[in-house]
C-alpha atoms as a PDB file:
ATOM      1  CA  UNK A   1       0.000   0.000   0.000  1.00  0.00           C
ATOM      2  CA  UNK A   2       1.295   3.436  -0.919  1.00  0.00           C
ATOM      3  CA  UNK A   3       1.793   5.812   1.977  1.00  0.00           C
ATOM      4  CA  UNK A   4       1.999   9.609   1.902  1.00  0.00           C
ATOM      5  CA  UNK A   5       3.662  11.746   4.577  1.00  0.00           C
ATOM      6  CA  UNK A   6       3.616  15.481   5.159  1.00  0.00           C
ATOM      7  CA  UNK A   7       5.661  17.240   7.834  1.00  0.00           C
ATOM      8  CA  UNK A   8       4.203  20.384   9.330  1.00  0.00           C
ATOM      9  CA  UNK A   9       6.085  22.827  11.528  1.00  0.00           C
ATOM     10  CA  UNK A  10       4.785  25.489  13.886  1.00  0.00           C
ATOM     11  CA  UNK A  11       6.227  28.868  12.910  1.00  0.00           C
ATOM     12  CA  UNK A  12       4.683  31.404  15.335  1.00  0.00           C
ATOM     13  CA  UNK A  13       1.313  32.382  16.780  1.00  0.00           C
ATOM     14  CA  UNK A  14      -1.146  30.288  14.731  1.00  0.00           C
ATOM     15  CA  UNK A  15       1.075  29.883  11.649  1.00  0.00           C
ATOM     16  CA  UNK A  16       2.271  26.479  10.448  1.00  0.00           C
ATOM     17  CA  UNK A  17       4.320  25.500   7.416  1.00  0.00           C
ATOM     18  CA  UNK A  18       3.797  22.171   5.691  1.00  0.00           C
ATOM     19  CA  UNK A  19       6.549  20.596   3.616  1.00  0.00           C
ATOM     20  CA  UNK A  20       4.942  18.554   0.860  1.00  0.00           C
ATOM     21  CA  UNK A  21       7.657  16.862  -1.191  1.00  0.00           C
ATOM     22  CA  UNK A  22       9.806  20.008  -0.932  1.00  0.00           C
ATOM     23  CA  UNK A  23       6.925  22.394  -1.655  1.00  0.00           C
ATOM     24  CA  UNK A  24       6.151  24.770   1.207  1.00  0.00           C
ATOM     25  CA  UNK A  25       2.566  25.626   2.130  1.00  0.00           C
ATOM     26  CA  UNK A  26       1.948  28.224   4.832  1.00  0.00           C
ATOM     27  CA  UNK A  27      -1.241  28.003   6.870  1.00  0.00           C
ATOM     28  CA  UNK A  28      -2.486  30.616   9.293  1.00  0.00           C
ATOM     29  CA  UNK A  29      -5.621  31.825  11.036  1.00  0.00           C
ATOM     30  CA  UNK A  30      -7.525  35.070  10.724  1.00  0.00           C
ATOM     31  CA  UNK A  31      -6.477  37.903  13.039  1.00  0.00           C
ATOM     32  CA  UNK A  32      -9.613  37.482  15.178  1.00  0.00           C
ATOM     33  CA  UNK A  33      -8.513  33.888  15.838  1.00  0.00           C
ATOM     34  CA  UNK A  34      -4.966  34.787  16.887  1.00  0.00           C
ATOM     35  CA  UNK A  35      -3.307  34.578  13.486  1.00  0.00           C
ATOM     36  CA  UNK A  36      -1.778  37.085  11.099  1.00  0.00           C
ATOM     37  CA  UNK A  37      -3.378  35.745   7.913  1.00  0.00           C
ATOM     38  CA  UNK A  38       0.102  34.934   6.575  1.00  0.00           C
ATOM     39  CA  UNK A  39      -1.145  31.816   4.806  1.00  0.00           C
ATOM     40  CA  UNK A  40      -4.132  29.858   3.646  1.00  0.00           C
ATOM     41  CA  UNK A  41      -6.793  28.469   5.944  1.00  0.00           C
ATOM     42  CA  UNK A  42      -6.230  24.715   6.478  1.00  0.00           C
ATOM     43  CA  UNK A  43      -9.947  24.115   5.943  1.00  0.00           C
ATOM     44  CA  UNK A  44      -9.969  26.009   2.637  1.00  0.00           C
ATOM     45  CA  UNK A  45      -6.976  23.981   1.480  1.00  0.00           C
ATOM     46  CA  UNK A  46      -9.386  21.027   1.431  1.00  0.00           C
ATOM     47  CA  UNK A  47     -11.381  22.880  -1.227  1.00  0.00           C
ATOM     48  CA  UNK A  48      -8.224  23.594  -3.221  1.00  0.00           C
ATOM     49  CA  UNK A  49      -7.259  19.919  -2.981  1.00  0.00           C
ATOM     50  CA  UNK A  50     -10.609  18.863  -4.401  1.00  0.00           C
ATOM     51  CA  UNK A  51     -10.380  21.413  -7.231  1.00  0.00           C
ATOM     52  CA  UNK A  52      -6.809  20.451  -8.063  1.00  0.00           C
ATOM     53  CA  UNK A  53      -7.483  16.716  -8.019  1.00  0.00           C
ATOM     54  CA  UNK A  54     -10.594  16.726 -10.195  1.00  0.00           C
ATOM     55  CA  UNK A  55      -9.193  19.511 -12.404  1.00  0.00           C
ATOM     56  CA  UNK A  56      -6.083  17.480 -13.220  1.00  0.00           C
ATOM     57  CA  UNK A  57      -8.280  14.497 -14.073  1.00  0.00           C
ATOM     58  CA  UNK A  58     -10.596  16.481 -16.333  1.00  0.00           C
ATOM     59  CA  UNK A  59      -7.768  18.217 -18.210  1.00  0.00           C
ATOM     60  CA  UNK A  60      -5.929  14.909 -18.696  1.00  0.00           C
ATOM     61  CA  UNK A  61      -9.055  13.113 -19.920  1.00  0.00           C
ATOM     62  CA  UNK A  62     -10.022  15.948 -22.283  1.00  0.00           C
ATOM     63  CA  UNK A  63      -6.514  15.981 -23.769  1.00  0.00           C
ATOM     64  CA  UNK A  64      -6.778  12.213 -24.403  1.00  0.00           C
ATOM     65  CA  UNK A  65     -10.159  12.865 -26.071  1.00  0.00           C
ATOM     66  CA  UNK A  66      -8.441  15.542 -28.210  1.00  0.00           C
ATOM     67  CA  UNK A  67     -10.756  18.270 -26.930  1.00  0.00           C
ATOM     68  CA  UNK A  68      -9.256  21.735 -27.403  1.00  0.00           C
ATOM     69  CA  UNK A  69     -10.107  24.395 -24.834  1.00  0.00           C
ATOM     70  CA  UNK A  70      -8.583  27.729 -23.877  1.00  0.00           C
ATOM     71  CA  UNK A  71      -9.003  27.548 -20.115  1.00  0.00           C
ATOM     72  CA  UNK A  72     -10.386  25.409 -17.334  1.00  0.00           C
ATOM     73  CA  UNK A  73     -11.362  27.008 -14.032  1.00  0.00           C
ATOM     74  CA  UNK A  74     -12.761  25.299 -10.971  1.00  0.00           C
ATOM     75  CA  UNK A  75     -14.580  26.921  -8.097  1.00  0.00           C
ATOM     76  CA  UNK A  76     -15.570  24.967  -5.007  1.00  0.00           C
ATOM     77  CA  UNK A  77     -18.298  26.329  -2.753  1.00  0.00           C
ATOM     78  CA  UNK A  78     -18.786  24.716   0.638  1.00  0.00           C
ATOM     79  CA  UNK A  79     -21.265  25.068   3.480  1.00  0.00           C
ATOM     80  CA  UNK A  80     -19.828  25.081   6.998  1.00  0.00           C
ATOM     81  CA  UNK A  81     -21.724  23.796  10.030  1.00  0.00           C
ATOM     82  CA  UNK A  82     -22.674  26.439  12.600  1.00  0.00           C
ATOM     83  CA  UNK A  83     -21.679  24.377  15.644  1.00  0.00           C
ATOM     84  CA  UNK A  84     -18.309  22.920  16.600  1.00  0.00           C
ATOM     85  CA  UNK A  85     -16.607  21.124  15.090  1.00  0.00           C
ATOM     86  CA  UNK A  86     -17.183  23.461  12.147  1.00  0.00           C
ATOM     87  CA  UNK A  87     -16.645  21.176   9.194  1.00  0.00           C
ATOM     88  CA  UNK A  88     -17.938  21.248   5.639  1.00  0.00           C
ATOM     89  CA  UNK A  89     -21.345  19.618   5.334  1.00  0.00           C
ATOM     90  CA  UNK A  90     -21.801  20.162   1.574  1.00  0.00           C
ATOM     91  CA  UNK A  91     -19.538  21.016  -1.388  1.00  0.00           C
ATOM     92  CA  UNK A  92     -20.377  22.149  -4.892  1.00  0.00           C
ATOM     93  CA  UNK A  93     -17.816  22.121  -7.722  1.00  0.00           C
ATOM     94  CA  UNK A  94     -18.249  24.460 -10.694  1.00  0.00           C
ATOM     95  CA  UNK A  95     -16.233  23.513 -13.786  1.00  0.00           C
ATOM     96  CA  UNK A  96     -15.911  26.440 -16.217  1.00  0.00           C
ATOM     97  CA  UNK A  97     -14.311  25.743 -19.572  1.00  0.00           C
ATOM     98  CA  UNK A  98     -13.699  28.394 -22.193  1.00  0.00           C
ATOM     99  CA  UNK A  99     -13.170  27.741 -25.852  1.00  0.00           C
ATOM    100  CA  UNK A 100     -14.748  27.560 -29.268  1.00  0.00           C
ATOM    101  CA  UNK A 101     -17.289  24.861 -30.112  1.00  0.00           C
ATOM    102  CA  UNK A 102     -16.749  22.922 -26.896  1.00  0.00           C
ATOM    103  CA  UNK A 103     -18.334  19.427 -27.010  1.00  0.00           C
ATOM    104  CA  UNK A 104     -20.591  19.281 -23.923  1.00  0.00           C
ATOM    105  CA  UNK A 105     -21.003  15.494 -24.072  1.00  0.00           C
ATOM    106  CA  UNK A 106     -17.246  14.856 -23.915  1.00  0.00           C
ATOM    107  CA  UNK A 107     -16.799  17.360 -21.100  1.00  0.00           C
ATOM    108  CA  UNK A 108     -19.640  15.749 -19.149  1.00  0.00           C
ATOM    109  CA  UNK A 109     -17.997  12.355 -19.644  1.00  0.00           C
ATOM    110  CA  UNK A 110     -14.612  13.669 -18.439  1.00  0.00           C
ATOM    111  CA  UNK A 111     -16.182  15.202 -15.318  1.00  0.00           C
ATOM    112  CA  UNK A 112     -18.164  12.024 -14.623  1.00  0.00           C
ATOM    113  CA  UNK A 113     -15.026   9.876 -14.991  1.00  0.00           C
ATOM    114  CA  UNK A 114     -13.159  12.091 -12.548  1.00  0.00           C
ATOM    115  CA  UNK A 115     -15.991  12.131 -10.028  1.00  0.00           C
ATOM    116  CA  UNK A 116     -16.851   8.417 -10.245  1.00  0.00           C
ATOM    117  CA  UNK A 117     -13.473   6.791 -10.871  1.00  0.00           C
ATOM    118  CA  UNK A 118     -10.308   8.851 -10.588  1.00  0.00           C
ATOM    119  CA  UNK A 119     -10.424  11.711  -8.066  1.00  0.00           C
ATOM    120  CA  UNK A 120      -9.399  10.284  -4.698  1.00  0.00           C
ATOM    121  CA  UNK A 121     -10.012  13.560  -2.888  1.00  0.00           C
ATOM    122  CA  UNK A 122     -13.597  13.739  -4.121  1.00  0.00           C
ATOM    123  CA  UNK A 123     -14.153  10.048  -3.343  1.00  0.00           C
ATOM    124  CA  UNK A 124     -13.091  10.642   0.258  1.00  0.00           C
ATOM    125  CA  UNK A 125     -15.367  13.662   0.665  1.00  0.00           C
ATOM    126  CA  UNK A 126     -18.318  11.805  -0.906  1.00  0.00           C
ATOM    127  CA  UNK A 127     -18.060   9.169   1.835  1.00  0.00           C
ATOM    128  CA  UNK A 128     -18.894  11.865   4.404  1.00  0.00           C
ATOM    129  CA  UNK A 129     -20.876  14.663   2.738  1.00  0.00           C
ATOM    130  CA  UNK A 130     -22.883  15.666  -0.319  1.00  0.00           C
ATOM    131  CA  UNK A 131     -20.687  16.790  -3.223  1.00  0.00           C
ATOM    132  CA  UNK A 132     -22.466  18.182  -6.287  1.00  0.00           C
ATOM    133  CA  UNK A 133     -21.192  19.760  -9.476  1.00  0.00           C
ATOM    134  CA  UNK A 134     -22.093  21.723 -12.562  1.00  0.00           C
ATOM    135  CA  UNK A 135     -20.428  22.508 -15.873  1.00  0.00           C
ATOM    136  CA  UNK A 136     -20.359  25.964 -17.425  1.00  0.00           C
ATOM    137  CA  UNK A 137     -19.165  26.480 -20.983  1.00  0.00           C
ATOM    138  CA  UNK A 138     -18.046  29.881 -22.196  1.00  0.00           C
ATOM    139  CA  UNK A 139     -17.822  30.373 -25.953  1.00  0.00           C
ATOM    140  CA  UNK A 140     -14.836  32.465 -27.102  1.00  0.00           C
END
């Protein structure tokens, strides 16, 4: 079984730095929570992880399908519980692709393949919460 490891170091106040295969990620809290906002929120990094994972899948699949597009943007919206622990209880992924004459059916297939087969981050989240998505095409 493959194993991943990430080392994370306390810097000061509420700031931590994670070393992910030599790539540094700084995390910090908002000022009202004792931080200096010197880095990303750890919770919001979960949203970035989902967007990055499914985005890489979709781009790779579309390239194999020989679908040309100018850009691919992902936005993840998430609802946070009111009470502690304040975790995400729902996520919604918006895939926006820009290009000329984009084939909706192929893009839908690529998104479905990512969501149902390839994206490990999304698969983990789907075990715990509702994760929905939509596709937006922008004609250039």
